[in-house]
Amino acid sequence: MIQDEDLNLLLSELSHRYGYDFTNYARASLKRRVNRLLTMDRFTSFAELLYKVKNDSDYLPHVVEQLTVNVTEMFRDPSLFKTLREQVLPVLSTHPLIRIWHAGCSTGEEVYSLAIMLEEANLLHKSLLYATDINPTVIENIKRGMFPIGNIRQYTENYLQSGGRKTFPRIIRLSTSGPSSMKGCAPIRSLRRTTWFRTVLSMNSS
């Protein structure tokens, strides 16, 4: 079982050597994920893992993938999307340009959900959606825009509960995405709306 001081060493190494800041993530969740990493990759000690992280930059993407939470779905939390549809989008419609930063976007289902809502409200043509995540691997899924067909039933239920009225799924193309650890400034200025739907679930309450 990893100790607090071990976790601090690992997080410090990831931050100072590679620029990935996990310090505000929930500690209990991070401990579970590091312990799973130790078992999965058959390390005999934490020191062995730390040495690997320090000396093998090619191992970094695997570490980041294992430490981040990549659970999401289309129109996740339908009540929230319904509020956005009914109360937020009418306000945004009064602006000539809408910029939205979706931080911690995971594999992109919620980003595409928002794009679908903007398209249905005839606002997508004047919107710029920026999708970022600390895990560079999941960004590739956003660029492809492909999601498992087996999830469509759940996605459709979520969509209808969020106030959707048109045929689902819709075809939406997005082009802007990138990596971000949320350390530093937002990728765009003058944000009208910032969506952090899933990111806050993995952060400390403080």
N, C-alpha and C. Protein backbone atom coordinates (compact mmCIF):
# COMPACT_ATOMS: atom_id res chain seq x y z
N MET A 1 0.85 -1.20 0.00
CA MET A 1 0.00 0.00 0.00
C MET A 1 0.88 1.25 0.00
N ILE A 2 0.64 2.15 -0.94
CA ILE A 2 1.44 3.35 -1.05
C ILE A 2 1.18 4.29 0.12
N GLN A 3 2.23 4.94 0.62
CA GLN A 3 2.13 5.87 1.74
C GLN A 3 2.01 7.30 1.22
N ASP A 4 1.57 8.20 2.12
CA ASP A 4 1.40 9.60 1.73
C ASP A 4 2.70 10.22 1.22
N GLU A 5 3.81 9.92 1.89
CA GLU A 5 5.08 10.50 1.46
C GLU A 5 5.50 9.98 0.09
N ASP A 6 5.16 8.72 -0.21
CA ASP A 6 5.46 8.17 -1.52
C ASP A 6 4.65 8.88 -2.60
N LEU A 7 3.37 9.09 -2.31
CA LEU A 7 2.50 9.77 -3.26
C LEU A 7 3.00 11.18 -3.52
N ASN A 8 3.43 11.87 -2.46
CA ASN A 8 3.96 13.22 -2.61
C ASN A 8 5.18 13.24 -3.52
N LEU A 9 6.05 12.25 -3.37
CA LEU A 9 7.24 12.16 -4.21
C LEU A 9 6.86 11.97 -5.68
N LEU A 10 5.91 11.10 -5.92
CA LEU A 10 5.49 10.83 -7.29
C LEU A 10 4.84 12.07 -7.92
N LEU A 11 3.95 12.71 -7.19
CA LEU A 11 3.27 13.89 -7.72
C LEU A 11 4.25 15.03 -7.97
N SER A 12 5.24 15.16 -7.08
CA SER A 12 6.27 16.19 -7.27
C SER A 12 7.08 15.92 -8.52
N GLU A 13 7.41 14.67 -8.73
CA GLU A 13 8.19 14.29 -9.92
C GLU A 13 7.39 14.56 -11.20
N LEU A 14 6.13 14.20 -11.21
CA LEU A 14 5.29 14.41 -12.38
C LEU A 14 5.12 15.90 -12.68
N SER A 15 5.05 16.70 -11.63
CA SER A 15 4.85 18.13 -11.80
C SER A 15 6.12 18.83 -12.27
N HIS A 16 7.23 18.60 -11.58
CA HIS A 16 8.46 19.33 -11.88
C HIS A 16 9.17 18.82 -13.13
N ARG A 17 9.10 17.53 -13.37
CA ARG A 17 9.82 16.97 -14.51
C ARG A 17 9.01 17.05 -15.80
N TYR A 18 7.67 16.86 -15.69
CA TYR A 18 6.85 16.76 -16.89
C TYR A 18 5.75 17.82 -17.00
N GLY A 19 5.48 18.55 -15.91
CA GLY A 19 4.46 19.60 -15.97
C GLY A 19 3.04 19.14 -15.73
N TYR A 20 2.86 17.90 -15.23
CA TYR A 20 1.53 17.39 -14.92
C TYR A 20 1.24 17.61 -13.44
N ASP A 21 0.20 18.40 -13.16
CA ASP A 21 -0.12 18.76 -11.79
C ASP A 21 -1.33 17.99 -11.28
N PHE A 22 -1.08 17.01 -10.41
CA PHE A 22 -2.15 16.21 -9.82
C PHE A 22 -2.40 16.58 -8.35
N THR A 23 -1.82 17.67 -7.88
CA THR A 23 -1.84 17.97 -6.45
C THR A 23 -3.24 18.22 -5.90
N ASN A 24 -4.18 18.65 -6.74
CA ASN A 24 -5.54 18.93 -6.27
C ASN A 24 -6.50 17.78 -6.51
N TYR A 25 -5.99 16.68 -7.03
CA TYR A 25 -6.84 15.50 -7.22
C TYR A 25 -7.13 14.84 -5.87
N ALA A 26 -8.23 14.16 -5.76
CA ALA A 26 -8.60 13.47 -4.52
C ALA A 26 -7.52 12.45 -4.16
N ARG A 27 -6.99 12.56 -2.95
CA ARG A 27 -5.85 11.73 -2.55
C ARG A 27 -6.21 10.24 -2.50
N ALA A 28 -7.38 9.93 -1.98
CA ALA A 28 -7.77 8.52 -1.87
C ALA A 28 -7.85 7.87 -3.25
N SER A 29 -8.39 8.61 -4.23
CA SER A 29 -8.50 8.08 -5.59
C SER A 29 -7.12 7.89 -6.20
N LEU A 30 -6.23 8.85 -5.98
CA LEU A 30 -4.87 8.73 -6.52
C LEU A 30 -4.13 7.54 -5.92
N LYS A 31 -4.30 7.34 -4.62
CA LYS A 31 -3.65 6.19 -3.98
C LYS A 31 -4.12 4.88 -4.59
N ARG A 32 -5.42 4.76 -4.80
CA ARG A 32 -5.96 3.53 -5.39
C ARG A 32 -5.38 3.31 -6.78
N ARG A 33 -5.26 4.36 -7.55
CA ARG A 33 -4.78 4.24 -8.91
C ARG A 33 -3.28 3.93 -8.98
N VAL A 34 -2.52 4.51 -8.06
CA VAL A 34 -1.09 4.21 -8.01
C VAL A 34 -0.87 2.77 -7.57
N ASN A 35 -1.64 2.33 -6.58
CA ASN A 35 -1.54 0.93 -6.14
C ASN A 35 -1.89 -0.03 -7.28
N ARG A 36 -2.90 0.33 -8.05
CA ARG A 36 -3.27 -0.51 -9.19
C ARG A 36 -2.15 -0.52 -10.23
N LEU A 37 -1.50 0.63 -10.42
CA LEU A 37 -0.39 0.72 -11.37
C LEU A 37 0.77 -0.16 -10.93
N LEU A 38 1.05 -0.15 -9.62
CA LEU A 38 2.12 -1.00 -9.09
C LEU A 38 1.84 -2.48 -9.37
N THR A 39 0.60 -2.87 -9.18
CA THR A 39 0.23 -4.27 -9.41
C THR A 39 0.20 -4.60 -10.89
N MET A 40 -0.39 -3.74 -11.68
CA MET A 40 -0.54 -3.97 -13.11
C MET A 40 0.81 -4.15 -13.81
N ASP A 41 1.76 -3.28 -13.46
CA ASP A 41 3.07 -3.32 -14.12
C ASP A 41 4.12 -4.12 -13.34
N ARG A 42 3.64 -4.79 -12.31
CA ARG A 42 4.46 -5.74 -11.55
C ARG A 42 5.73 -5.14 -10.96
N PHE A 43 5.59 -3.96 -10.38
CA PHE A 43 6.70 -3.36 -9.66
C PHE A 43 6.81 -4.02 -8.29
N THR A 44 8.01 -4.29 -7.86
CA THR A 44 8.22 -4.91 -6.55
C THR A 44 8.23 -3.91 -5.42
N SER A 45 8.36 -2.62 -5.75
CA SER A 45 8.39 -1.57 -4.72
C SER A 45 8.00 -0.24 -5.36
N PHE A 46 7.65 0.72 -4.51
CA PHE A 46 7.35 2.06 -5.02
C PHE A 46 8.60 2.69 -5.60
N ALA A 47 9.75 2.42 -4.99
CA ALA A 47 11.01 2.99 -5.47
C ALA A 47 11.27 2.60 -6.93
N GLU A 48 10.88 1.41 -7.29
CA GLU A 48 11.07 0.95 -8.67
C GLU A 48 10.18 1.74 -9.63
N LEU A 49 8.93 2.00 -9.22
CA LEU A 49 8.03 2.82 -10.02
C LEU A 49 8.58 4.23 -10.18
N LEU A 50 9.03 4.82 -9.09
CA LEU A 50 9.55 6.19 -9.12
C LEU A 50 10.77 6.28 -10.03
N TYR A 51 11.62 5.29 -9.99
CA TYR A 51 12.81 5.27 -10.86
C TYR A 51 12.38 5.22 -12.33
N LYS A 52 11.36 4.42 -12.62
CA LYS A 52 10.85 4.29 -13.98
C LYS A 52 10.31 5.63 -14.47
N VAL A 53 9.56 6.32 -13.63
CA VAL A 53 8.98 7.60 -13.99
C VAL A 53 10.08 8.64 -14.24
N LYS A 54 11.11 8.62 -13.41
CA LYS A 54 12.20 9.58 -13.53
C LYS A 54 13.03 9.37 -14.79
N ASN A 55 13.20 8.14 -15.19
CA ASN A 55 14.19 7.83 -16.22
C ASN A 55 13.64 7.33 -17.55
N ASP A 56 12.33 7.17 -17.64
CA ASP A 56 11.74 6.66 -18.88
C ASP A 56 10.57 7.54 -19.28
N SER A 57 10.84 8.54 -20.12
CA SER A 57 9.79 9.48 -20.53
C SER A 57 8.72 8.78 -21.38
N ASP A 58 9.08 7.67 -22.03
CA ASP A 58 8.10 6.94 -22.83
C ASP A 58 7.04 6.26 -21.95
N TYR A 59 7.35 6.10 -20.68
CA TYR A 59 6.41 5.46 -19.75
C TYR A 59 5.37 6.45 -19.25
N LEU A 60 5.64 7.75 -19.41
CA LEU A 60 4.77 8.80 -18.87
C LEU A 60 3.33 8.71 -19.36
N PRO A 61 3.06 8.58 -20.67
CA PRO A 61 1.65 8.52 -21.12
C PRO A 61 0.86 7.42 -20.43
N HIS A 62 1.51 6.29 -20.17
CA HIS A 62 0.83 5.18 -19.48
C HIS A 62 0.48 5.58 -18.05
N VAL A 63 1.39 6.26 -17.37
CA VAL A 63 1.14 6.70 -16.00
C VAL A 63 -0.02 7.68 -15.96
N VAL A 64 0.00 8.66 -16.85
CA VAL A 64 -1.06 9.67 -16.90
C VAL A 64 -2.41 9.01 -17.19
N GLU A 65 -2.41 8.06 -18.11
CA GLU A 65 -3.66 7.37 -18.45
C GLU A 65 -4.23 6.62 -17.26
N GLN A 66 -3.36 6.03 -16.46
CA GLN A 66 -3.82 5.25 -15.31
C GLN A 66 -4.25 6.14 -14.14
N LEU A 67 -3.71 7.34 -14.04
CA LEU A 67 -4.03 8.22 -12.91
C LEU A 67 -5.28 9.06 -13.16
N THR A 68 -5.65 9.23 -14.41
CA THR A 68 -6.81 10.08 -14.70
C THR A 68 -8.09 9.27 -14.77
N VAL A 69 -9.21 9.97 -14.56
CA VAL A 69 -10.54 9.34 -14.59
C VAL A 69 -11.15 9.61 -15.96
N ASN A 70 -11.41 8.55 -16.72
CA ASN A 70 -11.90 8.71 -18.08
C ASN A 70 -13.29 8.12 -18.27
N VAL A 71 -14.14 8.36 -17.28
CA VAL A 71 -15.51 7.85 -17.35
C VAL A 71 -16.45 8.99 -17.72
N THR A 72 -17.17 8.83 -18.80
CA THR A 72 -18.10 9.87 -19.23
C THR A 72 -19.12 9.26 -20.18
N GLU A 73 -20.09 10.04 -20.61
CA GLU A 73 -21.09 9.57 -21.57
C GLU A 73 -21.79 10.77 -22.18
N MET A 74 -22.48 10.54 -23.28
CA MET A 74 -23.21 11.63 -23.93
C MET A 74 -24.35 12.11 -23.02
N PHE A 75 -24.45 13.42 -22.90
CA PHE A 75 -25.49 14.06 -22.09
C PHE A 75 -25.51 13.50 -20.66
N ARG A 76 -24.32 13.24 -20.14
CA ARG A 76 -24.20 12.79 -18.76
C ARG A 76 -24.81 13.85 -17.84
N ASP A 77 -25.57 13.42 -16.85
CA ASP A 77 -26.33 14.33 -15.98
C ASP A 77 -27.31 15.14 -16.83
N PRO A 78 -28.37 14.49 -17.33
CA PRO A 78 -29.34 15.16 -18.21
C PRO A 78 -29.94 16.44 -17.63
N SER A 79 -30.15 16.48 -16.31
CA SER A 79 -30.75 17.67 -15.71
C SER A 79 -29.85 18.89 -15.88
N LEU A 80 -28.54 18.66 -15.82
CA LEU A 80 -27.61 19.77 -16.02
C LEU A 80 -27.68 20.26 -17.46
N PHE A 81 -27.70 19.34 -18.41
CA PHE A 81 -27.79 19.74 -19.81
C PHE A 81 -29.13 20.41 -20.10
N LYS A 82 -30.18 19.98 -19.43
CA LYS A 82 -31.48 20.63 -19.62
C LYS A 82 -31.44 22.07 -19.13
N THR A 83 -30.77 22.29 -18.01
CA THR A 83 -30.61 23.66 -17.49
C THR A 83 -29.81 24.51 -18.47
N LEU A 84 -28.74 23.93 -19.02
CA LEU A 84 -27.96 24.65 -20.03
C LEU A 84 -28.82 24.99 -21.23
N ARG A 85 -29.61 24.03 -21.67
CA ARG A 85 -30.46 24.22 -22.85
C ARG A 85 -31.49 25.33 -22.63
N GLU A 86 -32.12 25.33 -21.46
CA GLU A 86 -33.25 26.22 -21.22
C GLU A 86 -32.86 27.58 -20.64
N GLN A 87 -31.77 27.61 -19.87
CA GLN A 87 -31.44 28.86 -19.18
C GLN A 87 -30.14 29.53 -19.65
N VAL A 88 -29.16 28.72 -20.04
CA VAL A 88 -27.86 29.29 -20.40
C VAL A 88 -27.78 29.64 -21.89
N LEU A 89 -28.21 28.73 -22.75
CA LEU A 89 -28.09 28.97 -24.19
C LEU A 89 -28.86 30.22 -24.64
N PRO A 90 -30.06 30.51 -24.10
CA PRO A 90 -30.73 31.75 -24.50
C PRO A 90 -29.90 32.99 -24.19
N VAL A 91 -29.16 32.97 -23.10
CA VAL A 91 -28.29 34.10 -22.76
C VAL A 91 -27.11 34.18 -23.72
N LEU A 92 -26.51 33.02 -23.98
CA LEU A 92 -25.37 32.98 -24.89
C LEU A 92 -25.76 33.42 -26.30
N SER A 93 -26.99 33.19 -26.67
CA SER A 93 -27.44 33.54 -28.03
C SER A 93 -27.38 35.04 -28.29
N THR A 94 -27.33 35.84 -27.24
CA THR A 94 -27.29 37.30 -27.41
C THR A 94 -25.89 37.80 -27.74
N HIS A 95 -24.88 36.93 -27.64
CA HIS A 95 -23.51 37.33 -27.92
C HIS A 95 -23.13 37.01 -29.37
N PRO A 96 -22.32 37.87 -29.98
CA PRO A 96 -21.94 37.64 -31.38
C PRO A 96 -21.03 36.42 -31.57
N LEU A 97 -20.24 36.08 -30.54
CA LEU A 97 -19.35 34.93 -30.61
C LEU A 97 -19.35 34.22 -29.27
N ILE A 98 -19.46 32.90 -29.30
CA ILE A 98 -19.50 32.10 -28.07
C ILE A 98 -18.22 31.26 -28.01
N ARG A 99 -17.48 31.41 -26.92
CA ARG A 99 -16.28 30.61 -26.70
C ARG A 99 -16.50 29.74 -25.47
N ILE A 100 -16.30 28.46 -25.62
CA ILE A 100 -16.54 27.52 -24.51
C ILE A 100 -15.31 26.64 -24.31
N TRP A 101 -14.82 26.63 -23.10
CA TRP A 101 -13.70 25.77 -22.75
C TRP A 101 -14.22 24.59 -21.93
N HIS A 102 -14.07 23.40 -22.45
CA HIS A 102 -14.46 22.21 -21.72
C HIS A 102 -13.20 21.55 -21.17
N ALA A 103 -12.85 21.90 -19.93
CA ALA A 103 -11.64 21.37 -19.30
C ALA A 103 -11.92 19.99 -18.72
N GLY A 104 -10.93 19.10 -18.82
CA GLY A 104 -11.12 17.74 -18.34
C GLY A 104 -12.16 17.01 -19.17
N CYS A 105 -12.00 17.07 -20.50
CA CYS A 105 -13.06 16.59 -21.39
C CYS A 105 -13.09 15.08 -21.55
N SER A 106 -12.09 14.36 -21.04
CA SER A 106 -12.00 12.91 -21.21
C SER A 106 -12.09 12.56 -22.69
N THR A 107 -12.88 11.54 -23.05
CA THR A 107 -12.92 11.09 -24.44
C THR A 107 -13.89 11.89 -25.31
N GLY A 108 -14.51 12.91 -24.75
CA GLY A 108 -15.22 13.89 -25.57
C GLY A 108 -16.72 13.77 -25.69
N GLU A 109 -17.33 12.81 -25.02
CA GLU A 109 -18.78 12.65 -25.18
C GLU A 109 -19.56 13.89 -24.77
N GLU A 110 -19.15 14.52 -23.68
CA GLU A 110 -19.88 15.69 -23.21
C GLU A 110 -19.62 16.91 -24.09
N VAL A 111 -18.44 16.96 -24.70
CA VAL A 111 -18.14 18.04 -25.63
C VAL A 111 -19.06 17.96 -26.84
N TYR A 112 -19.21 16.76 -27.40
CA TYR A 112 -20.10 16.57 -28.53
C TYR A 112 -21.55 16.80 -28.13
N SER A 113 -21.90 16.46 -26.90
CA SER A 113 -23.26 16.71 -26.41
C SER A 113 -23.56 18.20 -26.44
N LEU A 114 -22.60 18.99 -25.98
CA LEU A 114 -22.79 20.44 -25.97
C LEU A 114 -22.87 20.98 -27.39
N ALA A 115 -22.05 20.40 -28.27
CA ALA A 115 -22.07 20.84 -29.68
C ALA A 115 -23.43 20.54 -30.32
N ILE A 116 -24.02 19.39 -29.98
CA ILE A 116 -25.34 19.03 -30.49
C ILE A 116 -26.38 20.04 -30.02
N MET A 117 -26.31 20.43 -28.75
CA MET A 117 -27.26 21.40 -28.22
C MET A 117 -27.10 22.76 -28.90
N LEU A 118 -25.85 23.16 -29.13
CA LEU A 118 -25.59 24.43 -29.80
C LEU A 118 -26.12 24.40 -31.23
N GLU A 119 -25.96 23.27 -31.90
CA GLU A 119 -26.44 23.13 -33.27
C GLU A 119 -27.96 23.21 -33.32
N GLU A 120 -28.62 22.55 -32.36
CA GLU A 120 -30.08 22.57 -32.33
C GLU A 120 -30.63 23.96 -32.01
N ALA A 121 -29.84 24.75 -31.27
CA ALA A 121 -30.25 26.12 -30.95
C ALA A 121 -29.79 27.11 -32.01
N ASN A 122 -29.23 26.58 -33.12
CA ASN A 122 -28.72 27.42 -34.21
C ASN A 122 -27.61 28.36 -33.72
N LEU A 123 -26.76 27.85 -32.84
CA LEU A 123 -25.67 28.65 -32.29
C LEU A 123 -24.28 28.09 -32.61
N LEU A 124 -24.23 26.88 -33.15
CA LEU A 124 -22.93 26.25 -33.37
C LEU A 124 -22.08 27.02 -34.38
N HIS A 125 -22.72 27.65 -35.34
CA HIS A 125 -21.98 28.36 -36.39
C HIS A 125 -21.19 29.54 -35.84
N LYS A 126 -21.58 30.06 -34.67
CA LYS A 126 -20.84 31.18 -34.09
C LYS A 126 -20.20 30.79 -32.75
N SER A 127 -19.92 29.51 -32.60
CA SER A 127 -19.32 29.00 -31.36
C SER A 127 -17.94 28.40 -31.61
N LEU A 128 -17.06 28.60 -30.66
CA LEU A 128 -15.75 27.95 -30.67
C LEU A 128 -15.66 27.09 -29.41
N LEU A 129 -15.50 25.79 -29.59
CA LEU A 129 -15.41 24.87 -28.47
C LEU A 129 -13.97 24.39 -28.32
N TYR A 130 -13.41 24.59 -27.15
CA TYR A 130 -12.05 24.15 -26.85
C TYR A 130 -12.12 22.99 -25.87
N ALA A 131 -11.62 21.85 -26.27
CA ALA A 131 -11.66 20.65 -25.43
C ALA A 131 -10.24 20.27 -25.02
N THR A 132 -9.99 20.22 -23.72
CA THR A 132 -8.65 19.87 -23.24
C THR A 132 -8.75 18.81 -22.15
N ASP A 133 -7.68 18.05 -22.02
CA ASP A 133 -7.60 17.04 -20.97
C ASP A 133 -6.14 16.79 -20.65
N ILE A 134 -5.86 16.42 -19.41
CA ILE A 134 -4.50 16.14 -19.00
C ILE A 134 -3.94 14.90 -19.68
N ASN A 135 -4.82 14.03 -20.13
CA ASN A 135 -4.42 12.77 -20.75
C ASN A 135 -4.39 12.93 -22.28
N PRO A 136 -3.20 12.96 -22.90
CA PRO A 136 -3.14 13.17 -24.36
C PRO A 136 -3.75 12.03 -25.16
N THR A 137 -3.84 10.85 -24.58
CA THR A 137 -4.38 9.70 -25.30
C THR A 137 -5.86 9.88 -25.63
N VAL A 138 -6.63 10.38 -24.65
CA VAL A 138 -8.08 10.51 -24.88
C VAL A 138 -8.40 11.62 -25.87
N ILE A 139 -7.50 12.58 -26.05
CA ILE A 139 -7.72 13.65 -27.01
C ILE A 139 -7.88 13.08 -28.42
N GLU A 140 -7.17 12.01 -28.71
CA GLU A 140 -7.26 11.41 -30.03
C GLU A 140 -8.68 10.94 -30.35
N ASN A 141 -9.41 10.50 -29.32
CA ASN A 141 -10.78 10.05 -29.53
C ASN A 141 -11.68 11.22 -29.94
N ILE A 142 -11.41 12.40 -29.40
CA ILE A 142 -12.21 13.57 -29.75
C ILE A 142 -12.00 13.91 -31.22
N LYS A 143 -10.76 13.81 -31.66
CA LYS A 143 -10.47 14.12 -33.06
C LYS A 143 -11.18 13.14 -34.00
N ARG A 144 -11.27 11.88 -33.59
CA ARG A 144 -11.96 10.89 -34.43
C ARG A 144 -13.48 11.07 -34.35
N GLY A 145 -13.98 11.44 -33.17
CA GLY A 145 -15.42 11.63 -32.99
C GLY A 145 -16.21 10.35 -33.14
N MET A 146 -15.63 9.24 -32.71
CA MET A 146 -16.31 7.93 -32.83
C MET A 146 -16.56 7.36 -31.45
N PHE A 147 -17.81 6.89 -31.23
CA PHE A 147 -18.19 6.37 -29.93
C PHE A 147 -18.87 5.01 -30.10
N PRO A 148 -18.79 4.15 -29.08
CA PRO A 148 -19.32 2.78 -29.20
C PRO A 148 -20.82 2.75 -29.52
N ILE A 149 -21.19 1.98 -30.53
CA ILE A 149 -22.60 1.87 -30.92
C ILE A 149 -23.43 1.24 -29.81
N GLY A 150 -22.79 0.42 -28.98
CA GLY A 150 -23.51 -0.23 -27.89
C GLY A 150 -24.01 0.73 -26.83
N ASN A 151 -23.47 1.97 -26.83
CA ASN A 151 -23.89 2.95 -25.82
C ASN A 151 -25.02 3.86 -26.30
N ILE A 152 -25.45 3.70 -27.55
CA ILE A 152 -26.40 4.63 -28.14
C ILE A 152 -27.74 4.66 -27.39
N ARG A 153 -28.20 3.51 -26.91
CA ARG A 153 -29.47 3.49 -26.18
C ARG A 153 -29.42 4.39 -24.95
N GLN A 154 -28.33 4.27 -24.16
CA GLN A 154 -28.19 5.11 -22.98
C GLN A 154 -28.02 6.57 -23.37
N TYR A 155 -27.25 6.82 -24.41
CA TYR A 155 -27.06 8.19 -24.87
C TYR A 155 -28.38 8.80 -25.31
N THR A 156 -29.21 8.01 -25.99
CA THR A 156 -30.51 8.51 -26.47
C THR A 156 -31.42 8.85 -25.30
N GLU A 157 -31.43 8.00 -24.28
CA GLU A 157 -32.24 8.27 -23.09
C GLU A 157 -31.78 9.57 -22.42
N ASN A 158 -30.48 9.73 -22.29
CA ASN A 158 -29.94 10.95 -21.69
C ASN A 158 -30.34 12.18 -22.51
N TYR A 159 -30.22 12.03 -23.83
CA TYR A 159 -30.54 13.14 -24.74
C TYR A 159 -32.00 13.57 -24.59
N LEU A 160 -32.91 12.61 -24.57
CA LEU A 160 -34.33 12.94 -24.44
C LEU A 160 -34.64 13.57 -23.09
N GLN A 161 -34.00 13.06 -22.02
CA GLN A 161 -34.21 13.62 -20.69
C GLN A 161 -33.66 15.04 -20.58
N SER A 162 -32.69 15.36 -21.41
CA SER A 162 -32.10 16.70 -21.38
C SER A 162 -32.91 17.71 -22.18
N GLY A 163 -34.03 17.25 -22.75
CA GLY A 163 -34.89 18.14 -23.53
C GLY A 163 -34.71 18.01 -25.02
N GLY A 164 -33.97 17.00 -25.46
CA GLY A 164 -33.75 16.81 -26.89
C GLY A 164 -35.04 16.43 -27.61
N ARG A 165 -35.19 16.90 -28.84
CA ARG A 165 -36.43 16.66 -29.59
C ARG A 165 -36.17 16.08 -30.98
N LYS A 166 -34.91 16.11 -31.44
CA LYS A 166 -34.61 15.67 -32.79
C LYS A 166 -34.08 14.24 -32.78
N THR A 167 -33.86 13.71 -33.99
CA THR A 167 -33.33 12.35 -34.12
C THR A 167 -31.92 12.28 -33.57
N PHE A 168 -31.65 11.24 -32.82
CA PHE A 168 -30.33 11.04 -32.24
C PHE A 168 -29.81 9.69 -32.71
N PRO A 169 -28.53 9.54 -33.03
CA PRO A 169 -27.46 10.51 -32.87
C PRO A 169 -27.38 11.51 -34.01
N ARG A 170 -26.72 12.63 -33.75
CA ARG A 170 -26.49 13.65 -34.76
C ARG A 170 -25.04 13.57 -35.23
N ILE A 171 -24.78 14.11 -36.41
CA ILE A 171 -23.41 14.16 -36.94
C ILE A 171 -22.88 15.57 -36.71
N ILE A 172 -21.86 15.66 -35.87
CA ILE A 172 -21.26 16.94 -35.52
C ILE A 172 -19.75 16.82 -35.72
N ARG A 173 -19.14 17.83 -36.30
CA ARG A 173 -17.69 17.81 -36.47
C ARG A 173 -17.06 18.91 -35.62
N LEU A 174 -16.06 18.53 -34.82
CA LEU A 174 -15.29 19.48 -34.03
C LEU A 174 -13.83 19.38 -34.45
N SER A 175 -13.09 20.48 -34.30
CA SER A 175 -11.72 20.46 -34.79
C SER A 175 -10.69 20.94 -33.79
N THR A 176 -11.08 21.49 -32.66
CA THR A 176 -10.12 22.07 -31.74
C THR A 176 -10.07 21.28 -30.45
N SER A 177 -8.89 20.75 -30.15
CA SER A 177 -8.70 20.04 -28.89
C SER A 177 -7.23 20.04 -28.57
N GLY A 178 -6.91 19.74 -27.31
CA GLY A 178 -5.50 19.71 -26.95
C GLY A 178 -5.30 19.28 -25.52
N PRO A 179 -4.03 19.00 -25.14
CA PRO A 179 -3.74 18.59 -23.77
C PRO A 179 -3.70 19.78 -22.83
N SER A 180 -4.07 19.57 -21.59
CA SER A 180 -4.00 20.62 -20.58
C SER A 180 -4.12 20.01 -19.21
N SER A 181 -3.27 20.47 -18.28
CA SER A 181 -3.33 19.97 -16.92
C SER A 181 -4.10 20.92 -16.02
N MET A 182 -4.70 21.96 -16.61
CA MET A 182 -5.42 23.00 -15.86
C MET A 182 -4.49 23.77 -14.96
N LYS A 183 -3.18 23.69 -15.22
CA LYS A 183 -2.19 24.42 -14.45
C LYS A 183 -1.80 25.66 -15.25
N GLY A 184 -2.21 26.83 -14.78
CA GLY A 184 -1.94 28.04 -15.53
C GLY A 184 -3.21 28.62 -16.11
N CYS A 185 -3.09 29.27 -17.26
CA CYS A 185 -4.20 30.01 -17.83
C CYS A 185 -5.09 29.14 -18.70
N ALA A 186 -6.31 29.61 -18.89
CA ALA A 186 -7.23 28.95 -19.81
C ALA A 186 -6.72 29.12 -21.22
N PRO A 187 -7.08 28.23 -22.16
CA PRO A 187 -6.59 28.32 -23.53
C PRO A 187 -7.19 29.47 -24.32
N ILE A 188 -8.26 30.09 -23.81
CA ILE A 188 -8.88 31.21 -24.50
C ILE A 188 -9.26 32.27 -23.48
N ARG A 189 -9.40 33.50 -23.95
CA ARG A 189 -9.78 34.60 -23.08
C ARG A 189 -11.25 34.95 -23.27
N SER A 190 -11.75 35.77 -22.36
CA SER A 190 -13.14 36.24 -22.43
C SER A 190 -14.14 35.10 -22.53
N LEU A 191 -14.01 34.12 -21.66
CA LEU A 191 -14.92 32.98 -21.67
C LEU A 191 -16.31 33.41 -21.21
N ARG A 192 -17.34 33.02 -21.97
CA ARG A 192 -18.72 33.28 -21.58
C ARG A 192 -19.25 32.16 -20.70
N ARG A 193 -18.71 30.97 -20.91
CA ARG A 193 -19.18 29.83 -20.13
C ARG A 193 -18.07 28.80 -20.05
N THR A 194 -17.74 28.35 -18.86
CA THR A 194 -16.73 27.33 -18.69
C THR A 194 -17.38 26.05 -18.19
N THR A 195 -17.17 24.94 -18.87
CA THR A 195 -17.78 23.68 -18.47
C THR A 195 -16.74 22.76 -17.88
N TRP A 196 -16.89 22.44 -16.61
CA TRP A 196 -15.99 21.54 -15.92
C TRP A 196 -16.81 20.38 -15.37
N PHE A 197 -17.75 19.85 -16.14
CA PHE A 197 -18.73 18.90 -15.63
C PHE A 197 -18.11 17.74 -14.87
N ARG A 198 -17.11 17.10 -15.43
CA ARG A 198 -16.60 15.89 -14.85
C ARG A 198 -15.31 16.10 -14.06
N THR A 199 -14.60 17.18 -14.36
CA THR A 199 -13.31 17.39 -13.71
C THR A 199 -13.46 17.52 -12.20
N VAL A 200 -14.47 18.26 -11.76
CA VAL A 200 -14.61 18.52 -10.34
C VAL A 200 -14.84 17.24 -9.53
N LEU A 201 -15.31 16.18 -10.19
CA LEU A 201 -15.57 14.95 -9.47
C LEU A 201 -14.29 14.29 -8.97
N SER A 202 -13.13 14.58 -9.63
CA SER A 202 -11.90 13.96 -9.21
C SER A 202 -11.00 14.89 -8.42
N MET A 203 -11.49 16.11 -8.10
CA MET A 203 -10.68 17.08 -7.38
C MET A 203 -11.04 17.08 -5.90
N ASN A 204 -10.10 17.58 -5.08
CA ASN A 204 -10.37 17.73 -3.66
C ASN A 204 -11.45 18.76 -3.45
N SER A 205 -12.26 18.59 -2.42
CA SER A 205 -13.35 19.53 -2.13
C SER A 205 -12.83 20.90 -1.77
N SER A 206 -11.58 21.00 -1.30
CA SER A 206 -11.00 22.29 -0.94
C SER A 206 -10.61 23.07 -2.19
